[in-house]
Amino acid sequence: TGLIADVTGVTPSQFEEELMALTSTYPEQSPNQKYVHFHLAERGANWLFEGEDRNRAWLWSSSPFYSQPFFRLAVSCPDELKYGHDLYATFLKNLSPELADLADVNRGMAATDPRYRRKLTRIARLNRFPRLLRHLQRVLIPQVPVDRGSPTLAALQRHMVSNRAVAEYIAPRAVASLIDHRGRHGRQVFENLLTLTSLITKISGDDASIQ
């Protein structure tokens, strides 16, 4: 949050206020259910669906999870049945035992593996301590560095210089500091920034500087 605040000029308290205002519009009363709503409506629709659109440009994909009757049935099931992805594992077993035994690439084991639930529990507990989680991620998952002369940094710097609209939303000094200390950050940080500056550049009408 500190890094995002430095780059955007939006303070952590402002982020919190926006999140509180957003979740207050949800019909659920339980904080747990509001959290589920947030993941489905905000993270799912605004992040995962973009990945789906990108994938469809190359490979056709279909999923019953986008069927509204299927979705309503799934969310109406008691939470106890879904804990630890139990309902998901059962669904996969009935759909295809061979498919159910394939390892989840993000967790290194199949959803039907008895260790799967324990791993999800550990991940959930770690998510309660974001600083510890980030530290472990840096230790266990080495950051992919970005070279000073990389096209990503060149395009990012060009956007910061050539488009005033970018500088209205992204702090030039913060970006310059990130580049100077790029060894502390992975390549994804700069790729995400470039995506954001490219979007601002396009919306502002200065498409030529995107190239």
C-alpha atoms as a PDB file:
ATOM      1  CA  THR A   1       0.000   0.000   0.000  1.00  0.00           C
ATOM      2  CA  GLY A   2       2.898   2.374   0.731  1.00  0.00           C
ATOM      3  CA  LEU A   3       4.329   1.902  -2.751  1.00  0.00           C
ATOM      4  CA  ILE A   4       0.948   2.501  -4.374  1.00  0.00           C
ATOM      5  CA  ALA A   5       0.417   5.589  -2.217  1.00  0.00           C
ATOM      6  CA  ASP A   6       3.797   7.034  -3.268  1.00  0.00           C
ATOM      7  CA  VAL A   7       3.120   6.459  -6.959  1.00  0.00           C
ATOM      8  CA  THR A   8      -0.503   7.630  -7.076  1.00  0.00           C
ATOM      9  CA  GLY A   9      -0.546  10.224  -4.298  1.00  0.00           C
ATOM     10  CA  VAL A  10      -3.566   8.473  -2.774  1.00  0.00           C
ATOM     11  CA  THR A  11      -3.035   7.871   0.951  1.00  0.00           C
ATOM     12  CA  PRO A  12      -3.726   4.509   2.641  1.00  0.00           C
ATOM     13  CA  SER A  13      -6.582   6.094   4.589  1.00  0.00           C
ATOM     14  CA  GLN A  14      -8.168   7.232   1.332  1.00  0.00           C
ATOM     15  CA  PHE A  15      -7.917   3.687  -0.019  1.00  0.00           C
ATOM     16  CA  GLU A  16      -9.620   2.428   3.124  1.00  0.00           C
ATOM     17  CA  GLU A  17     -12.379   5.036   2.864  1.00  0.00           C
ATOM     18  CA  GLU A  18     -13.067   4.076  -0.757  1.00  0.00           C
ATOM     19  CA  LEU A  19     -13.193   0.388   0.124  1.00  0.00           C
ATOM     20  CA  MET A  20     -15.544   1.046   3.032  1.00  0.00           C
ATOM     21  CA  ALA A  21     -17.797   3.159   0.827  1.00  0.00           C
ATOM     22  CA  LEU A  22     -17.826   0.442  -1.845  1.00  0.00           C
ATOM     23  CA  THR A  23     -18.544  -2.476   0.480  1.00  0.00           C
ATOM     24  CA  SER A  24     -21.253  -0.479   2.279  1.00  0.00           C
ATOM     25  CA  THR A  25     -23.291  -0.693  -0.950  1.00  0.00           C
ATOM     26  CA  TYR A  26     -23.264  -4.505  -0.851  1.00  0.00           C
ATOM     27  CA  PRO A  27     -26.501  -6.140   0.376  1.00  0.00           C
ATOM     28  CA  GLU A  28     -24.666  -8.650   2.597  1.00  0.00           C
ATOM     29  CA  GLN A  29     -24.455  -7.895   6.311  1.00  0.00           C
ATOM     30  CA  SER A  30     -21.694 -10.311   7.306  1.00  0.00           C
ATOM     31  CA  PRO A  31     -18.100  -9.091   6.787  1.00  0.00           C
ATOM     32  CA  ASN A  32     -17.208 -12.571   5.512  1.00  0.00           C
ATOM     33  CA  GLN A  33     -19.929 -12.446   2.875  1.00  0.00           C
ATOM     34  CA  LYS A  34     -18.952  -8.911   1.902  1.00  0.00           C
ATOM     35  CA  TYR A  35     -15.434 -10.245   1.364  1.00  0.00           C
ATOM     36  CA  VAL A  36     -16.810 -12.975  -0.911  1.00  0.00           C
ATOM     37  CA  HIS A  37     -18.875 -10.373  -2.786  1.00  0.00           C
ATOM     38  CA  PHE A  38     -15.775  -8.214  -3.262  1.00  0.00           C
ATOM     39  CA  HIS A  39     -13.780 -11.103  -4.727  1.00  0.00           C
ATOM     40  CA  LEU A  40     -16.565 -12.106  -7.093  1.00  0.00           C
ATOM     41  CA  ALA A  41     -17.683  -8.671  -8.240  1.00  0.00           C
ATOM     42  CA  GLU A  42     -14.505  -6.593  -8.111  1.00  0.00           C
ATOM     43  CA  ARG A  43     -11.562  -8.960  -8.417  1.00  0.00           C
ATOM     44  CA  GLY A  44     -13.389 -11.495 -10.578  1.00  0.00           C
ATOM     45  CA  ALA A  45     -15.178  -9.175 -12.977  1.00  0.00           C
ATOM     46  CA  ASN A  46     -12.501  -6.487 -13.154  1.00  0.00           C
ATOM     47  CA  TRP A  47      -9.373  -8.639 -13.189  1.00  0.00           C
ATOM     48  CA  LEU A  48     -10.010 -12.285 -14.015  1.00  0.00           C
ATOM     49  CA  PHE A  49     -12.385 -11.527 -16.873  1.00  0.00           C
ATOM     50  CA  GLU A  50      -9.723  -9.461 -18.622  1.00  0.00           C
ATOM     51  CA  GLY A  51      -7.487 -12.516 -18.557  1.00  0.00           C
ATOM     52  CA  GLU A  52     -10.305 -14.594 -19.985  1.00  0.00           C
ATOM     53  CA  ASP A  53     -10.767 -12.106 -22.824  1.00  0.00           C
ATOM     54  CA  ARG A  54      -7.050 -12.240 -23.552  1.00  0.00           C
ATOM     55  CA  ASN A  55      -7.062 -16.037 -23.616  1.00  0.00           C
ATOM     56  CA  ARG A  56     -10.037 -16.151 -25.953  1.00  0.00           C
ATOM     57  CA  ALA A  57      -7.988 -14.281 -28.529  1.00  0.00           C
ATOM     58  CA  TRP A  58      -5.942 -17.477 -28.869  1.00  0.00           C
ATOM     59  CA  LEU A  59      -7.896 -20.449 -27.543  1.00  0.00           C
ATOM     60  CA  TRP A  60     -11.628 -21.025 -27.232  1.00  0.00           C
ATOM     61  CA  SER A  61     -12.701 -21.583 -23.657  1.00  0.00           C
ATOM     62  CA  SER A  62     -15.988 -22.382 -21.973  1.00  0.00           C
ATOM     63  CA  SER A  63     -16.916 -22.743 -18.348  1.00  0.00           C
ATOM     64  CA  PRO A  64     -20.153 -23.610 -16.522  1.00  0.00           C
ATOM     65  CA  PHE A  65     -19.173 -21.092 -13.840  1.00  0.00           C
ATOM     66  CA  TYR A  66     -20.373 -18.270 -16.119  1.00  0.00           C
ATOM     67  CA  SER A  67     -23.839 -19.811 -16.362  1.00  0.00           C
ATOM     68  CA  GLN A  68     -26.179 -17.756 -14.161  1.00  0.00           C
ATOM     69  CA  PRO A  69     -28.299 -20.735 -12.995  1.00  0.00           C
ATOM     70  CA  PHE A  70     -25.107 -22.648 -12.141  1.00  0.00           C
ATOM     71  CA  PHE A  71     -23.675 -19.641 -10.302  1.00  0.00           C
ATOM     72  CA  ARG A  72     -26.848 -19.100  -8.272  1.00  0.00           C
ATOM     73  CA  LEU A  73     -26.899 -22.773  -7.312  1.00  0.00           C
ATOM     74  CA  ALA A  74     -23.225 -22.694  -6.270  1.00  0.00           C
ATOM     75  CA  VAL A  75     -23.529 -19.576  -4.089  1.00  0.00           C
ATOM     76  CA  SER A  76     -26.696 -20.932  -2.458  1.00  0.00           C
ATOM     77  CA  CYS A  77     -24.813 -23.966  -1.112  1.00  0.00           C
ATOM     78  CA  PRO A  78     -23.887 -23.689   2.590  1.00  0.00           C
ATOM     79  CA  ASP A  79     -20.414 -22.342   3.290  1.00  0.00           C
ATOM     80  CA  GLU A  80     -19.614 -25.499   5.260  1.00  0.00           C
ATOM     81  CA  LEU A  81     -19.767 -27.530   2.050  1.00  0.00           C
ATOM     82  CA  LYS A  82     -17.396 -25.164   0.256  1.00  0.00           C
ATOM     83  CA  TYR A  83     -14.762 -24.846   2.958  1.00  0.00           C
ATOM     84  CA  GLY A  84     -11.299 -25.820   1.725  1.00  0.00           C
ATOM     85  CA  HIS A  85     -12.632 -26.102  -1.838  1.00  0.00           C
ATOM     86  CA  ASP A  86     -14.434 -29.314  -0.828  1.00  0.00           C
ATOM     87  CA  LEU A  87     -17.419 -28.625  -3.085  1.00  0.00           C
ATOM     88  CA  TYR A  88     -15.067 -27.748  -5.937  1.00  0.00           C
ATOM     89  CA  ALA A  89     -13.140 -31.010  -5.482  1.00  0.00           C
ATOM     90  CA  THR A  90     -16.355 -33.028  -5.348  1.00  0.00           C
ATOM     91  CA  PHE A  91     -17.629 -31.336  -8.479  1.00  0.00           C
ATOM     92  CA  LEU A  92     -14.398 -32.144 -10.325  1.00  0.00           C
ATOM     93  CA  LYS A  93     -14.496 -35.786  -9.195  1.00  0.00           C
ATOM     94  CA  ASN A  94     -18.003 -36.207 -10.561  1.00  0.00           C
ATOM     95  CA  LEU A  95     -17.168 -34.349 -13.746  1.00  0.00           C
ATOM     96  CA  SER A  96     -13.964 -36.256 -14.449  1.00  0.00           C
ATOM     97  CA  PRO A  97     -11.823 -38.241 -11.988  1.00  0.00           C
ATOM     98  CA  GLU A  98      -8.829 -37.815 -14.300  1.00  0.00           C
ATOM     99  CA  LEU A  99      -9.296 -34.049 -14.332  1.00  0.00           C
ATOM    100  CA  ALA A 100      -9.723 -33.951 -10.555  1.00  0.00           C
ATOM    101  CA  ASP A 101      -6.339 -35.615 -10.047  1.00  0.00           C
ATOM    102  CA  LEU A 102      -4.456 -32.975 -12.040  1.00  0.00           C
ATOM    103  CA  ALA A 103      -2.320 -30.712  -9.872  1.00  0.00           C
ATOM    104  CA  ASP A 104      -3.374 -27.104  -9.346  1.00  0.00           C
ATOM    105  CA  VAL A 105      -0.439 -25.285 -10.942  1.00  0.00           C
ATOM    106  CA  ASN A 106      -0.601 -22.477  -8.352  1.00  0.00           C
ATOM    107  CA  ARG A 107      -0.506 -24.796  -5.331  1.00  0.00           C
ATOM    108  CA  GLY A 108       1.445 -27.785  -6.595  1.00  0.00           C
ATOM    109  CA  MET A 109      -1.172 -30.420  -5.792  1.00  0.00           C
ATOM    110  CA  ALA A 110      -4.616 -31.569  -6.863  1.00  0.00           C
ATOM    111  CA  ALA A 111      -7.758 -30.279  -5.157  1.00  0.00           C
ATOM    112  CA  THR A 112      -8.532 -33.898  -4.227  1.00  0.00           C
ATOM    113  CA  ASP A 113      -5.223 -34.253  -2.361  1.00  0.00           C
ATOM    114  CA  PRO A 114      -5.802 -34.383   1.450  1.00  0.00           C
ATOM    115  CA  ARG A 115      -3.004 -31.825   1.856  1.00  0.00           C
ATOM    116  CA  TYR A 116      -4.789 -29.322  -0.369  1.00  0.00           C
ATOM    117  CA  ARG A 117      -7.167 -28.085   2.342  1.00  0.00           C
ATOM    118  CA  ARG A 118      -4.298 -27.717   4.828  1.00  0.00           C
ATOM    119  CA  LYS A 119      -2.344 -25.643   2.323  1.00  0.00           C
ATOM    120  CA  LEU A 120      -5.336 -23.375   1.692  1.00  0.00           C
ATOM    121  CA  THR A 121      -5.698 -22.901   5.457  1.00  0.00           C
ATOM    122  CA  ARG A 122      -2.046 -21.874   5.776  1.00  0.00           C
ATOM    123  CA  ILE A 123      -2.414 -19.440   2.871  1.00  0.00           C
ATOM    124  CA  ALA A 124      -5.549 -17.935   4.442  1.00  0.00           C
ATOM    125  CA  ARG A 125      -3.733 -17.416   7.727  1.00  0.00           C
ATOM    126  CA  LEU A 126      -0.753 -15.818   6.017  1.00  0.00           C
ATOM    127  CA  ASN A 127      -3.059 -13.413   4.168  1.00  0.00           C
ATOM    128  CA  ARG A 128      -3.920 -11.939   7.563  1.00  0.00           C
ATOM    129  CA  PHE A 129      -0.311 -10.777   7.870  1.00  0.00           C
ATOM    130  CA  PRO A 130       0.483  -9.094   4.514  1.00  0.00           C
ATOM    131  CA  ARG A 131       3.952  -7.874   5.549  1.00  0.00           C
ATOM    132  CA  LEU A 132       5.023 -11.370   6.568  1.00  0.00           C
ATOM    133  CA  LEU A 133       3.499 -12.771   3.380  1.00  0.00           C
ATOM    134  CA  ARG A 134       5.391 -10.289   1.196  1.00  0.00           C
ATOM    135  CA  HIS A 135       8.635 -11.121   3.013  1.00  0.00           C
ATOM    136  CA  LEU A 136       8.139 -14.839   2.454  1.00  0.00           C
ATOM    137  CA  GLN A 137       7.284 -14.248  -1.192  1.00  0.00           C
ATOM    138  CA  ARG A 138      10.504 -12.281  -1.695  1.00  0.00           C
ATOM    139  CA  VAL A 139      12.517 -15.081  -0.073  1.00  0.00           C
ATOM    140  CA  LEU A 140      10.765 -18.034  -1.689  1.00  0.00           C
ATOM    141  CA  ILE A 141       9.928 -16.481  -5.065  1.00  0.00           C
ATOM    142  CA  PRO A 142      12.906 -14.461  -6.368  1.00  0.00           C
ATOM    143  CA  GLN A 143      11.996 -11.259  -8.173  1.00  0.00           C
ATOM    144  CA  VAL A 144      12.694 -11.123 -11.899  1.00  0.00           C
ATOM    145  CA  PRO A 145      14.907  -8.022 -12.314  1.00  0.00           C
ATOM    146  CA  VAL A 146      14.495  -5.426 -15.031  1.00  0.00           C
ATOM    147  CA  ASP A 147      17.480  -4.011 -16.913  1.00  0.00           C
ATOM    148  CA  ARG A 148      18.099  -0.278 -17.019  1.00  0.00           C
ATOM    149  CA  GLY A 149      17.938  -0.302 -20.818  1.00  0.00           C
ATOM    150  CA  SER A 150      14.825  -2.455 -21.100  1.00  0.00           C
ATOM    151  CA  PRO A 151      12.039  -1.392 -23.519  1.00  0.00           C
ATOM    152  CA  THR A 152       9.612  -1.407 -20.573  1.00  0.00           C
ATOM    153  CA  LEU A 153      11.541   1.270 -18.677  1.00  0.00           C
ATOM    154  CA  ALA A 154      12.153   3.259 -21.862  1.00  0.00           C
ATOM    155  CA  ALA A 155       8.431   3.368 -22.675  1.00  0.00           C
ATOM    156  CA  LEU A 156       7.537   4.178 -19.070  1.00  0.00           C
ATOM    157  CA  GLN A 157       9.980   7.093 -18.955  1.00  0.00           C
ATOM    158  CA  ARG A 158       8.713   8.351 -22.308  1.00  0.00           C
ATOM    159  CA  HIS A 159       5.146   8.417 -21.012  1.00  0.00           C
ATOM    160  CA  MET A 160       6.185  10.318 -17.903  1.00  0.00           C
ATOM    161  CA  VAL A 161       7.955  12.980 -19.984  1.00  0.00           C
ATOM    162  CA  SER A 162       5.720  13.315 -23.025  1.00  0.00           C
ATOM    163  CA  ASN A 163       2.237  13.217 -21.565  1.00  0.00           C
ATOM    164  CA  ARG A 164       1.017  15.692 -18.958  1.00  0.00           C
ATOM    165  CA  ALA A 165      -2.060  13.583 -18.229  1.00  0.00           C
ATOM    166  CA  VAL A 166       0.144  10.765 -16.940  1.00  0.00           C
ATOM    167  CA  ALA A 167       1.902  13.087 -14.498  1.00  0.00           C
ATOM    168  CA  GLU A 168      -1.494  14.158 -13.116  1.00  0.00           C
ATOM    169  CA  TYR A 169      -2.137  10.640 -11.864  1.00  0.00           C
ATOM    170  CA  ILE A 170       1.338   9.122 -11.490  1.00  0.00           C
ATOM    171  CA  ALA A 171       4.019  10.917  -9.433  1.00  0.00           C
ATOM    172  CA  PRO A 172       7.130  11.395 -11.640  1.00  0.00           C
ATOM    173  CA  ARG A 173       9.494  11.502  -8.643  1.00  0.00           C
ATOM    174  CA  ALA A 174       8.125   8.237  -7.282  1.00  0.00           C
ATOM    175  CA  VAL A 175       8.562   6.529 -10.663  1.00  0.00           C
ATOM    176  CA  ALA A 176      12.100   7.904 -10.994  1.00  0.00           C
ATOM    177  CA  SER A 177      12.911   6.560  -7.519  1.00  0.00           C
ATOM    178  CA  LEU A 178      11.510   3.146  -8.456  1.00  0.00           C
ATOM    179  CA  ILE A 179      13.713   3.052 -11.536  1.00  0.00           C
ATOM    180  CA  ASP A 180      16.792   4.128  -9.569  1.00  0.00           C
ATOM    181  CA  HIS A 181      16.125   1.348  -7.030  1.00  0.00           C
ATOM    182  CA  ARG A 182      14.768  -1.153  -9.551  1.00  0.00           C
ATOM    183  CA  GLY A 183      16.744  -3.984  -7.923  1.00  0.00           C
ATOM    184  CA  ARG A 184      14.314  -3.917  -5.006  1.00  0.00           C
ATOM    185  CA  HIS A 185      11.317  -4.534  -7.255  1.00  0.00           C
ATOM    186  CA  GLY A 186      10.405  -7.223  -9.724  1.00  0.00           C
ATOM    187  CA  ARG A 187       9.735  -6.697 -13.407  1.00  0.00           C
ATOM    188  CA  GLN A 188       5.999  -7.011 -12.821  1.00  0.00           C
ATOM    189  CA  VAL A 189       5.927  -3.717 -10.892  1.00  0.00           C
ATOM    190  CA  PHE A 190       7.182  -1.829 -13.941  1.00  0.00           C
ATOM    191  CA  GLU A 191       4.997  -3.789 -16.350  1.00  0.00           C
ATOM    192  CA  ASN A 192       1.942  -2.900 -14.264  1.00  0.00           C
ATOM    193  CA  LEU A 193       2.993   0.749 -14.225  1.00  0.00           C
ATOM    194  CA  LEU A 194       3.494   0.736 -17.983  1.00  0.00           C
ATOM    195  CA  THR A 195       0.026  -0.752 -18.454  1.00  0.00           C
ATOM    196  CA  LEU A 196      -1.437   2.057 -16.348  1.00  0.00           C
ATOM    197  CA  THR A 197       0.472   4.861 -18.088  1.00  0.00           C
ATOM    198  CA  SER A 198      -0.436   3.385 -21.485  1.00  0.00           C
ATOM    199  CA  LEU A 199      -4.108   3.448 -20.534  1.00  0.00           C
ATOM    200  CA  ILE A 200      -3.906   7.068 -19.369  1.00  0.00           C
ATOM    201  CA  THR A 201      -2.019   7.981 -22.539  1.00  0.00           C
ATOM    202  CA  LYS A 202      -4.631   6.339 -24.730  1.00  0.00           C
ATOM    203  CA  ILE A 203      -7.568   7.933 -22.917  1.00  0.00           C
ATOM    204  CA  SER A 204      -5.904  11.347 -23.115  1.00  0.00           C
ATOM    205  CA  GLY A 205      -5.743  10.977 -26.897  1.00  0.00           C
ATOM    206  CA  ASP A 206      -1.954  10.863 -27.212  1.00  0.00           C
ATOM    207  CA  ASP A 207      -1.799   7.365 -28.702  1.00  0.00           C
ATOM    208  CA  ALA A 208       1.427   8.096 -30.561  1.00  0.00           C
ATOM    209  CA  SER A 209       3.495   8.031 -27.375  1.00  0.00           C
ATOM    210  CA  ILE A 210       2.285   4.521 -26.526  1.00  0.00           C
ATOM    211  CA  GLN A 211       4.574   3.037 -29.144  1.00  0.00           C
END
